[in-house]
Amino acid sequence: MTTKRAVRMTLRKNSSFFAWMLLLGSGGLLSSCTTSNEDRARLVLTNGKIVTVDESMPEAEALAVIEDTIAAVGTSADIARYIGDDTRVIDLDGRLAIPGFIEGHGHYMGLGEARMILDLTQVRSWEEIVAMVADAANEAPAGEWITGRGWHQEKWDSIPAGAVDGVPTHHTLSEVSPDNPVLLRHASGHAAFANKTAMNTAGISPETPNPDGGELVRDARGELTGLLRETAQGLVGAAYARARESMTPEEREEEARMQAQLAAEESLAKGITSFQDAGAGFGTIDMFKRLADESRLRVRLYVMVLASSEALANNLADYRMVGYGNNYLTVRSVKRSIDGALGSHGAWLLEPYADMPSSTGLVTVDPEEIRRTAEVAATHDYQVNIHAIGDRANRVVLDIFEDLYAQIPGDDLRWRIEHAQHIHPDDIPRFGSLGVIASMQGIHCTSDAPWVYRRLGEERARSGAYRWQELWKTGAVVTNGTDTPVEDVDPIASFYATVTRKLADGSVFFSEERLTRAQALQSYTLNNAYAAFEEEIKGSLTLGKLADIVVLSKDIMTVPDDEILSAEVLYTIVGGDVRYEKGE
C-alpha cells in the first residue's frame, strides 16, 4: 500500500469516528509514562466531555499536558495522579473540550488589517457605505487614502437605480470624498470599488484597456463605473502602494506586527490554534520568522507562498521551513489562483452565467503559468494549492494535476484545490481517485446560497455547487475554514453551516450535502492537519500530539442545531498554554 493511499485510508477510517456516539468511553487510560514527581502535569483538564477525534479513544473525561504535548488521556480518576502543586487544573464541569480548530484557508494579515480599516461586512445598503466614507473623509487630511473591505452587493436590502451589473456607479461616493482617494475591496477579495479621485490618481480613464485577467467595468456610454474586477484592482492598488512609499521600514514593520497581533487575538478568541495562511509574500514570511524567533507567534502558522513561478524558482529553496520555532511556523506550500469568485462573476465556468449570458468568468492566471508553478514547487518539494471556484477552473486544475502526478516521483503530494465551490459532476470523483484535497469553507455555502441560483441556475447549482458529502464519499479529504476576512473567522459559524446548510430565512441549501457533526469536526481538525502534512502532531487529542485544545460552553456535537451558534469559546489552549480565557 502506498503512503498516500495508507494515510487517506486512515483518514477515511477516522471519518467514521462519529461511531463514538454509539460507544461509551472505555474508562481506559492512554499514557506515555508512569507518573513520578518529575512527571507532574503543567495543565490538567478534568470532569469534562473530551471528544478526541481519535478512534482509539473517541471520548474521555480528562487529559494531562506535560511541557507542550498531551501526556495522558482517560478518566478523571486516572488523570488525578498527574496533578502536582504547580499544575493548573481546569474543571470542565461537564463541558466540551475538542482539538483546537485549524483554520484551513484564511488570510492572516488580511484578518489583522480588516480591524484597522472600514469594516463593510455588515452594511445593508450602498447608502450606508457612502455615509461611512463621508464620515471618514470629514476626519482625514486631503489626499489621505480611505480604505475598507467587506461589501457584497448581494447582501444589500436594495440596489440603487442606475447600477451596472448589479453594482452602483461611483458618483455618489465621489461626491462625499472629492479630496480623498477611496478603495473599497469586495468581500470576496476578487473585486474592488474606487472613487473618481482614486481612479484619477491611478491614471485610469475610459480609454484605459482592461488588463489581462481583469475588467474595468463601464456603463452603456463607456464611462467607468468605479468597479474593478480581478486583476483590474491592481491598477488602483499600485497607486495606493505608491502613496505608502513614504513610510519608513520601521513604520512598515510596526504596522505589519500590529496586523499580526490583531489576527492572533481574533483567532484565539474564536478557538483557533493553527492558521493556514492562503498566500503570503516573501517579505511577510520574513516578518513571521522574526516573530517566531522572538517567541511572539501566538498562533501556529502554515504559510502558502504567493509569487510568480519565476520568483518561486529563485527563492523557494531558501524559505522552506517545517516546524520552525517550536512548531509555530511552517512554509512548504505555494498558492496561485486560476480564476475569480462567483459573486463578482469572476469564477471561470464551462457555460455562461445564468444572469450574465455574455460571460463565462475570468482566467486570472494563464493555465500554463499554473503548470509552471506546480513544476517549480514539485522540484523544491513544496505542496501545490490552487484557487479554483468555477467548474471550468476546477477541471483545468485537475487536468494539470493529473498530468503532473504521472511525471513527479513520490505518491504523497497532497496537492489541493482551494474552495472547489462549483464542480462539474463528472469531475467530482476525480478528487478521490487522484487524492486531490478539497479545501472548502462551510460558511461560503450558506453565505453565497441566496445568489448561487441566479449565477448558475437551478440545475447547475444542484449538481455542482458545494458538494461536500459527495466529495467525502469519493474518498477525498475535505477540509474546512472561512477564507477570512472574506467571512468571519469564527469556526463555530462555519461548523453550523456545514452541518445544517441552513440560510437566514430558514431554508436549507440541498440538505443531502450536509456533513455529520463528526465529519464536520474532523474537517476542521484532523483533515486540516493532514492537508498540511501535520496529522502526526495536530488534529486530534492523542498521546504525544501538541496540546492544542479548545473548550466550549455548549456541546456542539449534541445540542439542537439552533443552539450551536450560541456556543462560546471558554478557553483556547496552544501547547498547554491558555492563550485565551473568556472574561480575562
Protein backbone atom coordinates (compact mmCIF):
# COMPACT_ATOMS: atom_id res chain seq x y z
CA MET A 1 0.00 0.00 0.00
CA THR A 2 1.39 3.38 -0.96
CA THR A 3 1.97 6.06 1.64
CA LYS A 4 -0.67 8.34 0.12
CA ARG A 5 -3.20 5.52 -0.02
CA ALA A 6 -2.42 4.41 3.53
CA VAL A 7 -2.84 7.86 5.00
CA ARG A 8 -6.02 8.52 3.07
CA MET A 9 -7.45 5.20 4.25
CA THR A 10 -6.54 6.12 7.82
CA LEU A 11 -8.42 9.38 7.45
CA ARG A 12 -11.41 7.63 5.90
CA LYS A 13 -11.33 5.21 8.80
CA ASN A 14 -11.19 8.13 11.18
CA SER A 15 -14.03 9.75 9.27
CA SER A 16 -16.27 7.18 10.91
CA PHE A 17 -15.04 8.09 14.35
CA PHE A 18 -18.51 9.52 14.95
CA ALA A 19 -19.30 5.95 15.99
CA TRP A 20 -18.08 7.21 19.38
CA MET A 21 -21.64 8.39 19.87
CA LEU A 22 -22.59 4.73 20.00
CA LEU A 23 -19.65 3.78 22.19
CA LEU A 24 -19.39 4.57 25.87
CA GLY A 25 -15.95 5.65 26.96
CA SER A 26 -13.97 2.61 27.98
CA GLY A 27 -12.58 4.34 31.04
CA GLY A 28 -9.12 3.29 29.95
CA LEU A 29 -6.03 5.44 30.22
CA LEU A 30 -3.69 6.26 27.41
CA SER A 31 -0.45 7.42 28.95
CA SER A 32 3.12 7.89 27.87
CA CYS A 33 4.63 7.09 31.25
CA THR A 34 4.11 6.12 34.83
CA THR A 35 3.97 9.21 36.95
CA SER A 36 6.62 10.42 39.32
CA ASN A 37 7.24 13.77 40.93
CA GLU A 38 9.09 14.79 37.78
CA ASP A 39 6.11 13.84 35.60
CA ARG A 40 3.52 16.11 37.12
CA ALA A 41 1.47 17.91 34.51
CA ARG A 42 1.60 21.63 33.88
CA LEU A 43 -2.06 21.51 32.86
CA VAL A 44 -4.93 19.12 33.53
CA LEU A 45 -8.44 19.23 32.13
CA THR A 46 -10.83 17.14 34.19
CA ASN A 47 -14.51 16.24 34.68
CA GLY A 48 -15.49 17.01 31.12
CA LYS A 49 -16.52 15.53 27.82
CA ILE A 50 -13.42 15.36 25.66
CA VAL A 51 -14.05 14.46 22.03
CA THR A 52 -10.63 13.46 20.79
CA VAL A 53 -11.12 12.83 17.03
CA ASP A 54 -9.01 9.73 17.72
CA GLU A 55 -10.76 6.43 17.05
CA SER A 56 -8.58 4.56 19.56
CA MET A 57 -10.29 6.54 22.36
CA PRO A 58 -13.07 8.65 20.83
CA GLU A 59 -14.16 10.18 24.12
CA ALA A 60 -12.60 10.79 27.53
CA GLU A 61 -13.17 12.76 30.73
CA ALA A 62 -9.74 14.24 31.32
CA LEU A 63 -6.28 14.77 29.93
CA ALA A 64 -2.87 15.85 31.19
CA VAL A 65 -0.28 18.05 29.49
CA ILE A 66 3.46 17.80 30.15
CA GLU A 67 5.56 20.52 28.51
CA ASP A 68 3.63 21.23 25.29
CA THR A 69 2.24 17.78 24.50
CA ILE A 70 -0.56 15.52 25.64
CA ALA A 71 0.83 13.06 28.16
CA ALA A 72 -2.30 11.16 29.15
CA VAL A 73 -5.97 10.85 28.21
CA GLY A 74 -8.53 8.99 30.25
CA THR A 75 -10.91 9.20 33.19
CA SER A 76 -10.76 11.95 35.77
CA ALA A 77 -9.67 9.42 38.37
CA ASP A 78 -6.81 8.20 36.20
CA ILE A 79 -5.59 11.69 35.38
CA ALA A 80 -5.66 12.82 39.01
CA ARG A 81 -2.23 11.31 39.61
CA TYR A 82 -0.70 13.84 37.21
CA ILE A 83 -1.74 16.76 39.41
CA GLY A 84 1.02 18.38 41.43
CA ASP A 85 1.47 21.59 43.37
CA ASP A 86 2.26 23.59 40.23
CA THR A 87 -0.36 22.03 37.97
CA ARG A 88 -3.07 24.27 36.61
CA VAL A 89 -6.32 22.35 36.84
CA ILE A 90 -9.34 23.36 34.76
CA ASP A 91 -12.53 21.71 35.96
CA LEU A 92 -14.62 21.41 32.81
CA ASP A 93 -17.76 20.66 34.84
CA GLY A 94 -19.14 18.54 32.04
CA ARG A 95 -18.32 20.99 29.24
CA LEU A 96 -16.91 20.00 25.87
CA ALA A 97 -13.20 20.02 25.00
CA ILE A 98 -12.09 19.30 21.43
CA PRO A 99 -8.90 19.66 19.40
CA GLY A 100 -8.06 23.28 18.65
CA PHE A 101 -9.72 24.48 15.48
CA ILE A 102 -7.39 24.73 12.48
CA GLU A 103 -8.34 27.49 10.05
CA GLY A 104 -7.90 25.63 6.76
CA HIS A 105 -7.85 28.62 4.43
CA GLY A 106 -7.66 32.22 5.56
CA HIS A 107 -5.60 35.35 5.10
CA TYR A 108 -3.79 36.05 8.33
CA MET A 109 -2.55 39.56 7.67
CA GLY A 110 -5.81 40.40 5.95
CA LEU A 111 -7.63 39.42 9.13
CA GLY A 112 -5.48 41.83 11.12
CA GLU A 113 -5.73 44.58 8.51
CA ALA A 114 -9.54 44.27 8.48
CA ARG A 115 -9.56 45.52 12.05
CA MET A 116 -7.65 48.67 11.03
CA ILE A 117 -9.80 49.86 8.09
CA LEU A 118 -13.50 50.45 7.35
CA ASP A 119 -15.44 47.28 8.15
CA LEU A 120 -18.08 46.89 5.45
CA THR A 121 -19.10 43.32 6.23
CA GLN A 122 -22.35 44.24 7.96
CA VAL A 123 -23.60 47.04 5.73
CA ARG A 124 -27.01 46.53 4.16
CA SER A 125 -27.06 49.31 1.56
CA TRP A 126 -24.90 51.39 -0.74
CA GLU A 127 -26.11 54.48 1.11
CA GLU A 128 -24.64 53.13 4.33
CA ILE A 129 -21.24 52.75 2.64
CA VAL A 130 -21.41 56.29 1.28
CA ALA A 131 -22.20 57.59 4.77
CA MET A 132 -19.27 55.70 6.31
CA VAL A 133 -16.88 57.07 3.69
CA ALA A 134 -18.26 60.58 4.18
CA ASP A 135 -17.55 60.36 7.92
CA ALA A 136 -14.02 59.11 7.24
CA ALA A 137 -13.40 61.87 4.66
CA ASN A 138 -14.50 64.55 7.11
CA GLU A 139 -11.76 63.43 9.51
CA ALA A 140 -8.99 62.60 7.01
CA PRO A 141 -6.48 65.14 5.66
CA ALA A 142 -6.80 65.91 1.97
CA GLY A 143 -5.01 63.31 -0.14
CA GLU A 144 -5.08 60.57 2.51
CA TRP A 145 -6.39 57.24 1.24
CA ILE A 146 -9.60 55.80 2.71
CA THR A 147 -9.74 52.01 2.51
CA GLY A 148 -12.23 49.38 3.53
CA ARG A 149 -13.29 45.82 2.86
CA GLY A 150 -16.24 43.50 3.10
CA TRP A 151 -19.08 44.93 0.98
CA HIS A 152 -21.20 42.49 -1.01
CA GLN A 153 -23.99 43.79 -3.21
CA GLU A 154 -25.92 40.53 -2.92
CA LYS A 155 -26.33 41.14 0.82
CA TRP A 156 -27.83 44.62 0.47
CA ASP A 157 -31.51 45.28 1.01
CA SER A 158 -31.73 47.09 -2.30
CA ILE A 159 -29.61 48.24 -5.25
CA PRO A 160 -29.72 51.96 -6.25
CA ALA A 161 -31.13 52.95 -9.62
CA GLY A 162 -28.55 53.20 -12.37
CA ALA A 163 -26.48 50.25 -11.16
CA VAL A 164 -24.35 48.39 -13.69
CA ASP A 165 -24.01 44.61 -13.31
CA GLY A 166 -25.84 44.95 -10.01
CA VAL A 167 -23.31 47.42 -8.56
CA PRO A 168 -23.80 51.22 -8.21
CA THR A 169 -21.65 53.72 -10.05
CA HIS A 170 -19.05 55.81 -8.27
CA HIS A 171 -20.79 59.18 -8.46
CA THR A 172 -22.44 59.41 -5.02
CA LEU A 173 -19.28 58.06 -3.40
CA SER A 174 -17.10 60.54 -5.28
CA GLU A 175 -19.31 63.43 -4.20
CA VAL A 176 -18.66 62.84 -0.49
CA SER A 177 -14.91 62.23 -0.90
CA PRO A 178 -13.62 64.66 -3.55
CA ASP A 179 -10.26 65.21 -1.84
CA ASN A 180 -9.50 61.63 -0.78
CA PRO A 181 -8.82 58.54 -2.91
CA VAL A 182 -11.14 55.71 -1.83
CA LEU A 183 -10.56 51.99 -2.41
CA LEU A 184 -13.12 49.55 -1.04
CA ARG A 185 -12.49 45.85 -1.56
CA HIS A 186 -15.30 43.38 -2.16
CA ALA A 187 -15.91 40.73 0.50
CA SER A 188 -14.54 38.07 -1.86
CA GLY A 189 -11.32 39.98 -2.47
CA HIS A 190 -11.92 39.50 -6.20
CA ALA A 191 -13.28 42.95 -6.93
CA ALA A 192 -12.96 46.46 -5.55
CA PHE A 193 -14.65 49.83 -5.86
CA ALA A 194 -12.81 53.10 -6.40
CA ASN A 195 -13.99 56.68 -6.34
CA LYS A 196 -13.14 59.24 -9.03
CA THR A 197 -10.16 60.64 -7.13
CA ALA A 198 -8.62 57.16 -6.77
CA MET A 199 -9.07 56.42 -10.47
CA ASN A 200 -7.58 59.77 -11.42
CA THR A 201 -4.63 59.18 -9.09
CA ALA A 202 -4.07 55.83 -10.76
CA GLY A 203 -4.23 57.38 -14.22
CA ILE A 204 -7.29 55.36 -15.23
CA SER A 205 -9.62 56.77 -17.88
CA PRO A 206 -12.38 55.33 -20.04
CA GLU A 207 -9.71 54.70 -22.69
CA THR A 208 -7.61 52.52 -20.37
CA PRO A 209 -7.68 48.92 -21.68
CA ASN A 210 -8.68 46.05 -19.47
CA PRO A 211 -5.65 44.26 -18.02
CA ASP A 212 -5.21 40.54 -18.63
CA GLY A 213 -7.47 38.65 -16.23
CA GLY A 214 -9.41 41.74 -15.15
CA GLU A 215 -12.06 44.24 -16.14
CA LEU A 216 -12.65 47.95 -15.67
CA VAL A 217 -16.44 47.92 -15.62
CA ARG A 218 -18.08 50.56 -17.84
CA ASP A 219 -21.64 51.78 -18.27
CA ALA A 220 -23.59 51.88 -21.54
CA ARG A 221 -21.83 55.12 -22.53
CA GLY A 222 -18.39 53.63 -21.93
CA GLU A 223 -17.80 55.61 -18.74
CA LEU A 224 -16.04 53.95 -15.81
CA THR A 225 -18.38 52.88 -13.01
CA GLY A 226 -15.66 52.50 -10.38
CA LEU A 227 -15.97 48.70 -10.17
CA LEU A 228 -12.68 46.87 -10.71
CA ARG A 229 -12.84 43.13 -11.32
CA GLU A 230 -9.99 40.76 -10.52
CA THR A 231 -6.59 41.99 -11.78
CA ALA A 232 -8.00 45.44 -12.58
CA GLN A 233 -7.82 46.10 -8.85
CA GLY A 234 -4.05 46.24 -9.25
CA LEU A 235 -4.24 49.44 -11.29
CA VAL A 236 -5.59 51.39 -8.32
CA GLY A 237 -3.73 49.20 -5.86
CA ALA A 238 -0.44 50.31 -7.42
CA ALA A 239 -1.38 53.96 -6.81
CA TYR A 240 -2.20 53.15 -3.20
CA ALA A 241 1.16 51.41 -2.85
CA ARG A 242 2.95 54.48 -4.24
CA ALA A 243 1.23 56.64 -1.64
CA ARG A 244 2.69 54.41 1.05
CA GLU A 245 6.26 54.62 -0.24
CA SER A 246 6.99 57.45 2.17
CA MET A 247 6.60 55.08 5.11
CA THR A 248 9.89 54.15 6.73
CA PRO A 249 10.88 50.48 7.09
CA GLU A 250 10.29 50.86 10.82
CA GLU A 251 6.76 52.14 10.24
CA ARG A 252 6.02 49.28 7.87
CA GLU A 253 7.33 46.74 10.36
CA GLU A 254 5.27 48.25 13.16
CA GLU A 255 2.13 48.16 11.03
CA ALA A 256 2.74 44.54 10.00
CA ARG A 257 3.36 43.45 13.57
CA MET A 258 0.16 45.16 14.66
CA GLN A 259 -1.78 43.30 11.96
CA ALA A 260 -0.26 40.00 13.07
CA GLN A 261 -1.09 40.75 16.69
CA LEU A 262 -4.70 41.64 15.87
CA ALA A 263 -5.04 38.48 13.77
CA ALA A 264 -3.76 36.37 16.65
CA GLU A 265 -6.14 37.99 19.14
CA GLU A 266 -9.12 37.43 16.87
CA SER A 267 -8.14 33.83 16.10
CA LEU A 268 -7.55 32.83 19.70
CA ALA A 269 -10.84 34.37 20.81
CA LYS A 270 -12.57 32.15 18.24
CA GLY A 271 -10.82 28.93 19.34
CA ILE A 272 -8.27 28.76 16.51
CA THR A 273 -4.90 27.32 17.45
CA SER A 274 -3.46 26.87 13.93
CA PHE A 275 -3.99 29.00 10.84
CA GLN A 276 -3.28 28.04 7.22
CA ASP A 277 -2.39 31.35 5.57
CA ALA A 278 -3.52 31.17 1.96
CA GLY A 279 -0.99 33.40 0.32
CA ALA A 280 1.87 35.43 1.77
CA GLY A 281 4.81 37.11 0.06
CA PHE A 282 8.42 36.55 0.97
CA GLY A 283 8.60 39.79 2.95
CA THR A 284 5.67 38.76 5.13
CA ILE A 285 7.26 35.37 5.70
CA ASP A 286 10.45 37.12 6.81
CA MET A 287 8.38 39.03 9.37
CA PHE A 288 6.70 35.81 10.57
CA LYS A 289 10.15 34.29 11.04
CA ARG A 290 11.27 37.26 13.13
CA LEU A 291 8.19 36.87 15.31
CA ALA A 292 8.91 33.16 15.69
CA ASP A 293 12.50 33.89 16.71
CA GLU A 294 11.13 36.24 19.37
CA SER A 295 8.53 33.65 20.53
CA ARG A 296 5.83 36.13 19.56
CA LEU A 297 3.77 33.99 17.20
CA ARG A 298 0.72 33.21 19.33
CA VAL A 299 -0.99 31.01 16.72
CA ARG A 300 0.71 28.25 14.71
CA LEU A 301 1.05 29.23 11.04
CA TYR A 302 1.16 27.09 7.91
CA VAL A 303 2.02 29.54 5.14
CA MET A 304 1.43 29.22 1.40
CA VAL A 305 3.91 31.27 -0.64
CA LEU A 306 2.23 33.57 -3.14
CA ALA A 307 4.50 34.59 -6.03
CA SER A 308 5.11 34.11 -9.74
CA SER A 309 6.76 30.90 -10.90
CA GLU A 310 9.97 32.84 -11.64
CA ALA A 311 10.10 34.31 -8.13
CA LEU A 312 9.32 30.91 -6.65
CA ALA A 313 12.14 29.29 -8.60
CA ASN A 314 14.57 31.88 -7.27
CA ASN A 315 13.51 31.75 -3.61
CA LEU A 316 11.79 28.53 -2.56
CA ALA A 317 14.98 26.74 -1.59
CA ASP A 318 15.78 29.45 0.97
CA TYR A 319 12.31 29.63 2.51
CA ARG A 320 11.37 26.04 3.25
CA MET A 321 10.68 25.63 6.99
CA VAL A 322 8.89 22.78 8.75
CA GLY A 323 8.01 23.18 12.40
CA TYR A 324 10.22 26.23 12.81
CA GLY A 325 10.18 27.99 16.17
CA ASN A 326 8.89 25.02 18.17
CA ASN A 327 6.20 24.15 15.62
CA TYR A 328 4.90 27.69 15.17
CA LEU A 329 5.90 28.31 11.54
CA THR A 330 5.87 26.02 8.53
CA VAL A 331 6.49 27.11 4.93
CA ARG A 332 6.28 24.24 2.45
CA SER A 333 3.47 25.09 0.03
CA VAL A 334 2.68 27.55 -2.75
CA LYS A 335 -0.59 29.26 -3.70
CA ARG A 336 -1.85 30.51 -7.06
CA SER A 337 -5.30 31.49 -8.37
CA ILE A 338 -6.65 30.49 -11.76
CA ASP A 339 -10.00 32.29 -11.59
CA GLY A 340 -12.03 34.73 -9.52
CA ALA A 341 -15.14 34.48 -7.38
CA LEU A 342 -18.68 33.51 -8.26
CA GLY A 343 -20.16 36.58 -6.57
CA SER A 344 -18.21 39.01 -8.75
CA HIS A 345 -18.84 36.95 -11.93
CA GLY A 346 -15.15 36.09 -11.93
CA ALA A 347 -15.35 32.31 -11.46
CA TRP A 348 -14.37 30.54 -14.70
CA LEU A 349 -17.33 28.46 -15.93
CA LEU A 350 -17.86 25.84 -18.61
CA GLU A 351 -21.10 27.59 -19.62
CA PRO A 352 -22.11 31.26 -19.38
CA TYR A 353 -23.53 32.77 -16.22
CA ALA A 354 -27.30 32.43 -15.98
CA ASP A 355 -27.57 36.10 -15.02
CA MET A 356 -24.81 37.34 -17.38
CA PRO A 357 -25.01 35.26 -20.58
CA SER A 358 -22.21 37.28 -22.18
CA SER A 359 -19.62 35.97 -19.71
CA THR A 360 -18.09 32.69 -18.57
CA GLY A 361 -15.93 34.45 -15.98
CA LEU A 362 -12.27 35.34 -15.90
CA VAL A 363 -8.99 33.46 -16.14
CA THR A 364 -6.77 35.38 -13.73
CA VAL A 365 -3.59 33.41 -14.43
CA ASP A 366 -2.73 31.56 -17.63
CA PRO A 367 -3.05 27.79 -17.09
CA GLU A 368 0.47 27.35 -18.44
CA GLU A 369 1.76 29.61 -15.65
CA ILE A 370 -0.17 27.45 -13.16
CA ARG A 371 1.55 24.41 -14.61
CA ARG A 372 4.98 26.06 -14.36
CA THR A 373 4.28 26.98 -10.75
CA ALA A 374 3.39 23.38 -9.96
CA GLU A 375 6.55 22.11 -11.65
CA VAL A 376 8.74 24.56 -9.71
CA ALA A 377 7.02 23.65 -6.45
CA ALA A 378 7.49 19.94 -7.07
CA THR A 379 11.18 20.47 -7.78
CA HIS A 380 11.57 22.00 -4.31
CA ASP A 381 9.22 19.53 -2.58
CA TYR A 382 6.53 22.12 -1.95
CA GLN A 383 2.82 21.38 -1.87
CA VAL A 384 0.70 22.99 -4.61
CA ASN A 385 -2.53 24.80 -3.65
CA ILE A 386 -4.60 26.36 -6.45
CA HIS A 387 -7.61 28.62 -6.01
CA ALA A 388 -10.34 27.35 -8.35
CA ILE A 389 -14.03 28.20 -7.91
CA GLY A 390 -15.75 27.72 -11.28
CA ASP A 391 -16.35 24.30 -12.86
CA ARG A 392 -14.04 25.03 -15.77
CA ALA A 393 -11.31 26.27 -13.42
CA ASN A 394 -11.59 23.09 -11.35
CA ARG A 395 -11.46 20.89 -14.44
CA VAL A 396 -8.38 22.63 -15.82
CA VAL A 397 -6.55 22.37 -12.49
CA LEU A 398 -7.49 18.70 -12.12
CA ASP A 399 -6.17 18.09 -15.63
CA ILE A 400 -2.87 19.80 -14.76
CA PHE A 401 -2.57 17.84 -11.52
CA GLU A 402 -3.36 14.51 -13.19
CA ASP A 403 -0.79 15.10 -15.90
CA LEU A 404 1.95 16.14 -13.48
CA TYR A 405 1.17 13.36 -10.98
CA ALA A 406 2.25 10.91 -13.66
CA GLN A 407 5.59 12.68 -14.05
CA ILE A 408 6.55 13.57 -10.47
CA PRO A 409 8.23 10.99 -8.24
CA GLY A 410 6.52 10.16 -4.97
CA ASP A 411 2.97 9.31 -4.07
CA ASP A 412 2.18 11.66 -1.19
CA LEU A 413 1.90 15.06 -2.83
CA ARG A 414 -1.37 16.15 -1.17
CA TRP A 415 -1.99 18.88 -3.71
CA ARG A 416 -5.07 20.96 -3.00
CA ILE A 417 -7.77 22.87 -4.80
CA GLU A 418 -8.73 25.84 -2.68
CA HIS A 419 -12.51 26.45 -2.50
CA ALA A 420 -13.67 23.87 -5.09
CA GLN A 421 -17.06 25.56 -4.90
CA HIS A 422 -18.59 24.65 -8.24
CA ILE A 423 -17.53 21.38 -9.86
CA HIS A 424 -18.97 19.62 -12.88
CA PRO A 425 -20.49 16.29 -11.74
CA ASP A 426 -18.10 14.37 -13.98
CA ASP A 427 -15.12 15.85 -12.12
CA ILE A 428 -16.25 15.21 -8.54
CA PRO A 429 -14.95 11.58 -8.45
CA ARG A 430 -11.54 12.76 -9.67
CA PHE A 431 -10.79 14.37 -6.30
CA GLY A 432 -10.94 10.99 -4.59
CA SER A 433 -9.26 8.96 -7.32
CA LEU A 434 -6.38 11.42 -7.69
CA GLY A 435 -6.02 12.18 -3.98
CA VAL A 436 -6.62 15.91 -4.52
CA ILE A 437 -7.66 17.66 -1.31
CA ALA A 438 -10.89 19.69 -1.49
CA SER A 439 -10.02 22.71 0.65
CA MET A 440 -13.52 24.10 1.24
CA GLN A 441 -15.20 26.63 3.52
CA GLY A 442 -18.54 25.69 5.04
CA ILE A 443 -19.65 29.24 5.67
CA HIS A 444 -19.32 30.13 1.98
CA CYS A 445 -22.22 27.83 1.14
CA THR A 446 -24.83 29.47 3.34
CA SER A 447 -23.42 32.94 2.75
CA ASP A 448 -23.48 32.53 -1.04
CA ALA A 449 -26.56 30.33 -1.48
CA PRO A 450 -29.14 33.13 -1.91
CA TRP A 451 -27.50 34.24 -5.15
CA VAL A 452 -25.94 30.98 -6.38
CA TYR A 453 -29.20 30.16 -8.16
CA ARG A 454 -29.03 33.45 -10.04
CA ARG A 455 -25.44 32.86 -11.12
CA LEU A 456 -25.76 29.19 -12.09
CA GLY A 457 -29.42 28.32 -12.42
CA GLU A 458 -31.24 25.56 -10.54
CA GLU A 459 -29.76 22.52 -12.29
CA ARG A 460 -26.10 23.59 -12.15
CA ALA A 461 -26.49 24.69 -8.52
CA ARG A 462 -27.92 21.32 -7.56
CA SER A 463 -25.43 19.18 -9.45
CA GLY A 464 -22.20 21.01 -8.78
CA ALA A 465 -22.29 23.63 -6.03
CA TYR A 466 -20.71 22.97 -2.62
CA ARG A 467 -20.84 19.17 -2.91
CA TRP A 468 -19.23 18.35 0.45
CA GLN A 469 -20.85 15.00 1.19
CA GLU A 470 -20.46 13.79 -2.39
CA LEU A 471 -16.77 14.71 -2.35
CA TRP A 472 -16.34 12.96 1.01
CA LYS A 473 -17.89 9.79 -0.43
CA THR A 474 -15.34 9.73 -3.24
CA GLY A 475 -12.62 9.29 -0.62
CA ALA A 476 -11.37 12.85 -1.00
CA VAL A 477 -10.08 14.65 2.06
CA VAL A 478 -12.45 17.58 2.64
CA THR A 479 -11.23 20.42 4.84
CA ASN A 480 -12.89 23.47 6.38
CA GLY A 481 -12.24 27.14 7.07
CA THR A 482 -13.61 30.61 6.46
CA ASP A 483 -11.41 32.40 3.91
CA THR A 484 -11.25 35.24 6.44
CA PRO A 485 -11.53 38.21 6.07
CA VAL A 486 -13.97 37.25 3.31
CA GLU A 487 -16.05 35.75 6.15
CA ASP A 488 -15.81 35.99 9.92
CA VAL A 489 -13.03 33.69 11.09
CA ASP A 490 -15.46 32.04 13.57
CA PRO A 491 -15.22 28.22 13.23
CA ILE A 492 -18.48 27.67 15.10
CA ALA A 493 -20.41 29.59 12.44
CA SER A 494 -18.72 27.59 9.67
CA PHE A 495 -19.32 24.32 11.59
CA TYR A 496 -23.01 25.24 11.87
CA ALA A 497 -23.21 25.99 8.15
CA THR A 498 -21.52 22.67 7.37
CA VAL A 499 -23.92 20.53 9.40
CA THR A 500 -27.15 22.42 8.66
CA ARG A 501 -26.71 24.32 5.37
CA LYS A 502 -29.48 26.49 6.79
CA LEU A 503 -29.91 30.00 5.45
CA ALA A 504 -31.02 33.11 7.32
CA ASP A 505 -34.59 32.64 6.07
CA GLY A 506 -34.73 29.10 7.49
CA SER A 507 -34.46 27.31 4.15
CA VAL A 508 -31.84 24.61 3.61
CA PHE A 509 -29.48 24.57 0.63
CA PHE A 510 -29.51 20.98 -0.67
CA SER A 511 -29.68 19.13 2.65
CA GLU A 512 -28.24 15.91 1.21
CA GLU A 513 -24.82 17.57 1.07
CA ARG A 514 -24.65 18.31 4.80
CA LEU A 515 -21.81 16.70 6.73
CA THR A 516 -22.47 14.93 10.00
CA ARG A 517 -21.22 16.71 13.10
CA ALA A 518 -18.39 14.23 13.47
CA GLN A 519 -17.38 14.73 9.84
CA ALA A 520 -17.57 18.49 10.27
CA LEU A 521 -15.38 18.40 13.38
CA GLN A 522 -12.88 16.20 11.58
CA SER A 523 -12.87 18.59 8.61
CA TYR A 524 -11.86 21.39 11.00
CA THR A 525 -9.22 19.43 12.88
CA LEU A 526 -7.64 16.19 11.68
CA ASN A 527 -8.35 16.75 7.98
CA ASN A 528 -6.86 20.23 8.10
CA ALA A 529 -3.82 18.81 9.85
CA TYR A 530 -3.48 16.16 7.12
CA ALA A 531 -3.81 18.83 4.43
CA ALA A 532 -0.71 20.48 5.93
CA PHE A 533 1.29 17.26 6.46
CA GLU A 534 0.81 17.74 10.22
CA GLU A 535 -1.51 14.89 11.22
CA GLU A 536 1.24 13.31 13.34
CA ILE A 537 1.39 16.35 15.65
CA LYS A 538 -2.03 18.03 15.35
CA GLY A 539 -5.70 17.49 14.70
CA SER A 540 -6.67 15.12 17.49
CA LEU A 541 -6.24 14.89 21.25
CA THR A 542 -3.88 11.98 21.03
CA LEU A 543 -0.99 10.92 23.21
CA GLY A 544 2.18 12.72 22.14
CA LYS A 545 0.49 15.34 19.98
CA LEU A 546 0.67 19.04 20.66
CA ALA A 547 -1.70 20.16 23.42
CA ASP A 548 -3.80 22.46 21.22
CA ILE A 549 -7.29 22.44 22.71
CA VAL A 550 -10.47 24.49 22.78
CA VAL A 551 -13.16 24.34 25.48
CA LEU A 552 -16.72 25.35 24.54
CA SER A 553 -19.68 26.43 26.64
CA LYS A 554 -22.02 24.04 24.82
CA ASP A 555 -21.67 20.58 23.35
CA ILE A 556 -21.82 21.33 19.63
CA MET A 557 -21.82 17.59 18.96
CA THR A 558 -25.22 17.00 20.56
CA VAL A 559 -27.17 20.23 21.18
CA PRO A 560 -30.07 21.04 18.85
CA ASP A 561 -28.99 22.67 15.61
CA ASP A 562 -30.22 26.11 16.56
CA GLU A 563 -28.12 26.10 19.75
CA ILE A 564 -24.80 25.55 18.00
CA LEU A 565 -24.35 29.22 17.15
CA SER A 566 -24.74 30.24 20.79
CA ALA A 567 -21.77 28.12 21.88
CA GLU A 568 -18.92 30.28 23.18
CA VAL A 569 -15.21 29.67 23.41
CA LEU A 570 -14.24 29.47 27.08
CA TYR A 571 -10.57 28.52 26.72
CA THR A 572 -8.14 28.36 23.82
CA ILE A 573 -5.01 26.39 24.69
CA VAL A 574 -1.90 26.28 22.50
CA GLY A 575 0.87 23.91 23.50
CA GLY A 576 -0.54 23.68 27.01
CA ASP A 577 -0.61 27.48 27.43
CA VAL A 578 -4.01 29.09 28.00
CA ARG A 579 -3.87 31.82 25.35
CA TYR A 580 -7.50 32.90 25.66
CA GLU A 581 -9.89 32.68 28.59
CA LYS A 582 -13.36 34.17 28.35
CA GLY A 583 -13.70 37.12 30.66
CA GLU A 584 -9.96 37.50 31.18
